[in-house]
Amino acid sequence: MKFSILTKNIISKEKKGEAITSSTYPKDTYLDSEIIKKLKDIERFTNNEGFLTKKSGAVGWEYAVSLYFLIDKIYISKPISGNYSSVNVGGGARVHPIYSQDNSNVKFELEIGDLKQITKNYKTKDLGSEIRFGKAATFHTHPKFYHDENTYQYGFFSHADISSLLYGNSSVLGLIAGNNLWLACKTNDSRMIPNELLSEASRQEVISGVESMKNFVSSNLNEYGIIFFFGSFGGKLKRV
């Protein structure tokens, strides 16, 4: 299932007051091409190793973008920079309708932070009484972190990441880890994952690699009502 269709379904359920459950999410999903392009930009901003004189610590800052769904399309914010260990997305979005003189057509001005975008024209009669609009997801990067010249990791979702998912206004949180991508998806049964388990997931990456981390997530984190997807950047993302 295309990611934009998945988020459209989630926002539609939320507007209707319907429960978001495990079955809301498919076995796999893939990102729309325009989303991939934006995410590749922030991954490049984060992991630029050209200036490194020594492979030690984090190679760059975390970056993030927010995605909003309006009627039939995903809109993406400007990249937001953080520091070596975190990024604060903040802000929000507003929608203003702009009607034709006879009210038969309408377009929308969408404000995401200081970015303004104008949608195409829609037939007013085709839209119904409620406009489908909501925050679809937030994606952020983790910089490559060198423990020594030959050992590095990107890490897993932090306690702060999962908290922002549980108490934030979107149901999907994305993590860009080099050439790989994680999704953490909220349901009505989601609850906080103990910090020691999140830390152990990251530790597994250092000890045995990404496959070991993925296996640990599958075996230990599914009971917390959060649906995880994993895959290569630009490829199919499969439920873990």
Protein backbone atom coordinates (compact mmCIF):
# COMPACT_ATOMS: atom_id res chain seq x y z
CA MET A 1 0.00 0.00 0.00
CA LYS A 2 1.30 3.44 -0.91
CA PHE A 3 2.14 5.53 2.16
CA SER A 4 -0.13 8.43 1.13
CA ILE A 5 -3.10 6.03 0.92
CA LEU A 6 -2.24 4.56 4.32
CA THR A 7 -2.12 7.99 5.98
CA LYS A 8 -5.33 9.02 4.20
CA ASN A 9 -7.07 5.98 5.70
CA ILE A 10 -5.72 6.73 9.18
CA ILE A 11 -6.77 10.39 9.09
CA SER A 12 -10.21 9.40 7.81
CA LYS A 13 -10.65 6.98 10.74
CA GLU A 14 -9.49 9.63 13.20
CA LYS A 15 -11.99 12.17 11.83
CA LYS A 16 -14.79 9.64 12.21
CA GLY A 17 -13.72 8.72 15.73
CA GLU A 18 -12.94 5.14 14.71
CA ALA A 19 -10.30 3.09 16.50
CA ILE A 20 -6.82 2.73 15.02
CA THR A 21 -5.90 -0.92 15.53
CA SER A 22 -3.18 -3.31 14.39
CA SER A 23 -5.36 -4.34 11.44
CA THR A 24 -5.44 -0.71 10.24
CA TYR A 25 -1.88 -1.20 9.06
CA PRO A 26 -0.98 -3.38 6.04
CA LYS A 27 1.77 -5.99 5.86
CA ASP A 28 3.91 -3.56 3.91
CA THR A 29 3.97 -0.02 2.56
CA TYR A 30 6.14 2.09 0.30
CA LEU A 31 6.79 5.81 0.21
CA ASP A 32 5.56 8.09 -2.55
CA SER A 33 8.35 9.33 -4.83
CA GLU A 34 8.04 12.98 -3.74
CA ILE A 35 8.43 11.93 -0.09
CA ILE A 36 11.55 9.89 -0.87
CA LYS A 37 13.12 12.91 -2.57
CA LYS A 38 12.62 15.13 0.49
CA LEU A 39 13.84 12.46 2.89
CA LYS A 40 16.98 11.90 0.84
CA ASP A 41 17.69 15.62 1.21
CA ILE A 42 17.62 15.54 5.01
CA GLU A 43 19.61 12.30 5.12
CA ARG A 44 22.28 13.99 3.01
CA PHE A 45 22.28 17.04 5.29
CA THR A 46 22.77 14.76 8.31
CA ASN A 47 25.40 12.32 7.12
CA ASN A 48 27.90 14.44 5.26
CA GLU A 49 31.24 12.88 6.16
CA GLY A 50 33.30 14.98 3.77
CA PHE A 51 34.50 17.32 6.52
CA LEU A 52 35.54 14.58 8.98
CA THR A 53 39.19 14.47 10.06
CA LYS A 54 38.60 11.58 12.46
CA LYS A 55 35.86 8.96 12.67
CA SER A 56 34.64 9.72 16.16
CA GLY A 57 31.17 10.48 17.54
CA ALA A 58 28.23 11.77 15.49
CA VAL A 59 28.97 12.94 11.96
CA GLY A 60 26.18 15.53 11.76
CA TRP A 61 22.98 16.99 13.15
CA GLU A 62 19.52 15.48 13.23
CA TYR A 63 17.01 16.89 10.74
CA ALA A 64 13.24 16.47 10.48
CA VAL A 65 10.29 17.14 8.19
CA SER A 66 6.55 16.99 8.86
CA LEU A 67 4.02 15.60 6.39
CA TYR A 68 0.40 16.77 6.15
CA PHE A 69 -2.43 15.21 4.18
CA LEU A 70 -4.96 17.54 2.57
CA ILE A 71 -7.86 16.10 0.51
CA ASP A 72 -5.84 13.92 -1.88
CA LYS A 73 -2.18 14.89 -1.52
CA ILE A 74 0.76 14.90 0.89
CA TYR A 75 2.42 18.25 1.63
CA ILE A 76 5.87 18.44 3.21
CA SER A 77 7.40 21.07 5.49
CA LYS A 78 10.79 22.67 5.13
CA PRO A 79 13.62 20.72 6.77
CA ILE A 80 14.23 21.59 10.41
CA SER A 81 17.69 21.20 11.90
CA GLY A 82 18.46 20.11 15.45
CA ASN A 83 21.75 19.11 17.02
CA TYR A 84 23.86 15.95 17.28
CA SER A 85 21.32 14.11 19.44
CA SER A 86 17.85 15.60 18.91
CA VAL A 87 15.58 17.76 16.79
CA ASN A 88 12.45 19.66 17.86
CA VAL A 89 9.82 19.71 15.12
CA GLY A 90 7.35 22.09 16.81
CA GLY A 91 5.04 24.34 14.81
CA GLY A 92 1.92 23.20 13.01
CA ALA A 93 -0.17 23.85 9.92
CA ARG A 94 -3.22 25.92 8.98
CA VAL A 95 -5.57 25.72 6.01
CA HIS A 96 -7.44 28.67 4.48
CA PRO A 97 -10.10 28.11 1.77
CA ILE A 98 -10.16 30.47 -1.22
CA TYR A 99 -13.51 30.30 -3.04
CA SER A 100 -14.31 31.38 -6.56
CA GLN A 101 -16.75 34.26 -6.94
CA ASP A 102 -19.72 31.93 -7.38
CA ASN A 103 -18.47 29.44 -4.74
CA SER A 104 -18.47 26.61 -7.27
CA ASN A 105 -14.70 26.07 -6.96
CA VAL A 106 -12.28 26.29 -4.07
CA LYS A 107 -8.55 26.06 -3.58
CA PHE A 108 -6.67 26.09 -0.30
CA GLU A 109 -3.72 27.99 1.06
CA LEU A 110 -1.76 25.66 3.32
CA GLU A 111 0.65 27.18 5.83
CA ILE A 112 3.26 24.85 7.32
CA GLY A 113 5.44 27.03 9.50
CA ASP A 114 6.66 29.82 7.24
CA LEU A 115 6.04 27.76 4.08
CA LYS A 116 2.90 28.62 2.10
CA GLN A 117 1.52 26.35 -0.62
CA ILE A 118 -1.56 26.73 -2.80
CA THR A 119 -3.49 23.63 -3.84
CA LYS A 120 -5.17 23.01 -7.15
CA ASN A 121 -8.84 24.00 -7.68
CA TYR A 122 -11.54 21.61 -6.48
CA LYS A 123 -15.24 21.49 -7.27
CA THR A 124 -16.96 22.57 -4.07
CA LYS A 125 -19.78 20.06 -4.54
CA ASP A 126 -17.27 17.18 -4.74
CA LEU A 127 -15.64 17.86 -1.39
CA GLY A 128 -18.59 17.28 0.91
CA SER A 129 -19.07 18.96 4.26
CA GLU A 130 -15.76 17.90 5.88
CA ILE A 131 -12.31 18.47 4.41
CA ARG A 132 -9.90 15.60 5.02
CA PHE A 133 -6.87 17.26 6.60
CA GLY A 134 -4.37 16.20 9.24
CA LYS A 135 -0.79 15.56 10.13
CA ALA A 136 0.30 12.38 8.39
CA ALA A 137 3.75 11.80 9.88
CA THR A 138 7.03 13.21 11.10
CA PHE A 139 10.31 11.87 9.77
CA HIS A 140 13.67 12.53 11.37
CA THR A 141 17.24 11.43 10.84
CA HIS A 142 19.84 9.90 13.11
CA PRO A 143 23.46 10.72 12.25
CA LYS A 144 25.98 7.95 11.91
CA PHE A 145 27.77 7.63 15.27
CA TYR A 146 31.31 6.26 15.31
CA HIS A 147 32.39 4.35 18.41
CA ASP A 148 35.81 3.89 16.82
CA GLU A 149 37.30 3.86 13.31
CA ASN A 150 35.55 0.61 12.38
CA THR A 151 32.38 0.56 14.51
CA TYR A 152 29.37 2.80 13.99
CA GLN A 153 25.62 2.79 14.43
CA TYR A 154 22.52 4.89 13.72
CA GLY A 155 20.49 3.66 16.67
CA PHE A 156 16.82 2.97 17.23
CA PHE A 157 13.93 5.18 18.36
CA SER A 158 14.68 6.89 21.65
CA HIS A 159 12.40 7.25 24.67
CA ALA A 160 11.76 10.87 23.57
CA ASP A 161 10.87 9.67 20.05
CA ILE A 162 8.28 7.17 21.27
CA SER A 163 6.87 9.72 23.72
CA SER A 164 6.41 12.22 20.87
CA LEU A 165 4.57 9.54 18.89
CA LEU A 166 2.24 8.59 21.75
CA TYR A 167 1.39 12.13 22.78
CA GLY A 168 1.72 13.89 19.41
CA ASN A 169 -0.90 14.64 16.77
CA SER A 170 0.15 12.14 14.11
CA SER A 171 0.03 8.35 14.11
CA VAL A 172 3.31 7.71 12.27
CA LEU A 173 6.90 8.51 13.20
CA GLY A 174 9.68 7.79 10.75
CA LEU A 175 13.39 7.29 11.44
CA ILE A 176 15.94 7.57 8.64
CA ALA A 177 19.03 5.56 9.55
CA GLY A 178 21.48 5.84 6.67
CA ASN A 179 20.21 3.57 3.89
CA ASN A 180 17.45 2.12 6.07
CA LEU A 181 14.10 3.42 7.25
CA TRP A 182 11.97 2.62 10.29
CA LEU A 183 8.32 3.50 10.88
CA ALA A 184 6.71 3.45 14.32
CA CYS A 185 2.91 3.55 14.07
CA LYS A 186 0.43 4.31 16.82
CA THR A 187 -2.73 2.36 17.64
CA ASN A 188 -5.39 2.86 20.32
CA ASP A 189 -3.56 0.20 22.35
CA SER A 190 -0.13 1.85 22.18
CA ARG A 191 1.79 2.38 25.40
CA MET A 192 5.26 3.48 26.37
CA ILE A 193 8.12 1.07 25.72
CA PRO A 194 10.57 0.83 28.64
CA ASN A 195 13.75 2.77 27.98
CA GLU A 196 15.93 -0.28 28.65
CA LEU A 197 14.30 -2.14 25.76
CA LEU A 198 14.77 0.79 23.37
CA SER A 199 18.42 1.04 24.43
CA GLU A 200 18.90 -2.70 23.95
CA ALA A 201 17.49 -2.47 20.41
CA SER A 202 20.17 0.12 19.63
CA ARG A 203 22.84 -2.00 21.33
CA GLN A 204 21.93 -4.98 19.15
CA GLU A 205 22.86 -2.93 16.09
CA VAL A 206 26.40 -2.44 17.45
CA ILE A 207 26.81 -6.03 18.62
CA SER A 208 25.41 -7.96 15.68
CA GLY A 209 24.08 -5.54 13.04
CA VAL A 210 20.73 -4.31 11.76
CA GLU A 211 19.19 -7.79 11.32
CA SER A 212 19.81 -8.52 14.99
CA MET A 213 18.18 -5.22 15.95
CA LYS A 214 15.18 -6.02 13.75
CA ASN A 215 14.83 -9.48 15.32
CA PHE A 216 15.00 -7.97 18.80
CA VAL A 217 12.24 -5.48 17.94
CA SER A 218 10.05 -8.26 16.54
CA SER A 219 10.54 -10.47 19.61
CA ASN A 220 10.32 -7.86 22.37
CA LEU A 221 8.47 -4.70 21.35
CA ASN A 222 5.26 -5.79 19.60
CA GLU A 223 3.41 -6.24 22.90
CA TYR A 224 3.36 -2.45 23.39
CA GLY A 225 0.75 -1.82 20.70
CA ILE A 226 3.12 0.04 18.37
CA ILE A 227 3.45 -1.27 14.82
CA PHE A 228 6.99 -1.17 13.39
CA PHE A 229 7.97 -1.25 9.73
CA PHE A 230 11.51 -1.59 8.39
CA GLY A 231 13.13 -1.56 4.97
CA SER A 232 15.74 -0.05 2.73
CA PHE A 233 15.49 3.61 1.81
CA GLY A 234 13.18 3.87 -1.22
CA GLY A 235 12.17 0.19 -1.06
CA LYS A 236 9.26 -1.69 0.42
CA LEU A 237 8.81 -1.32 4.18
CA LYS A 238 7.61 -4.52 5.87
CA ARG A 239 6.01 -5.01 9.25
CA VAL A 240 8.47 -6.29 11.81
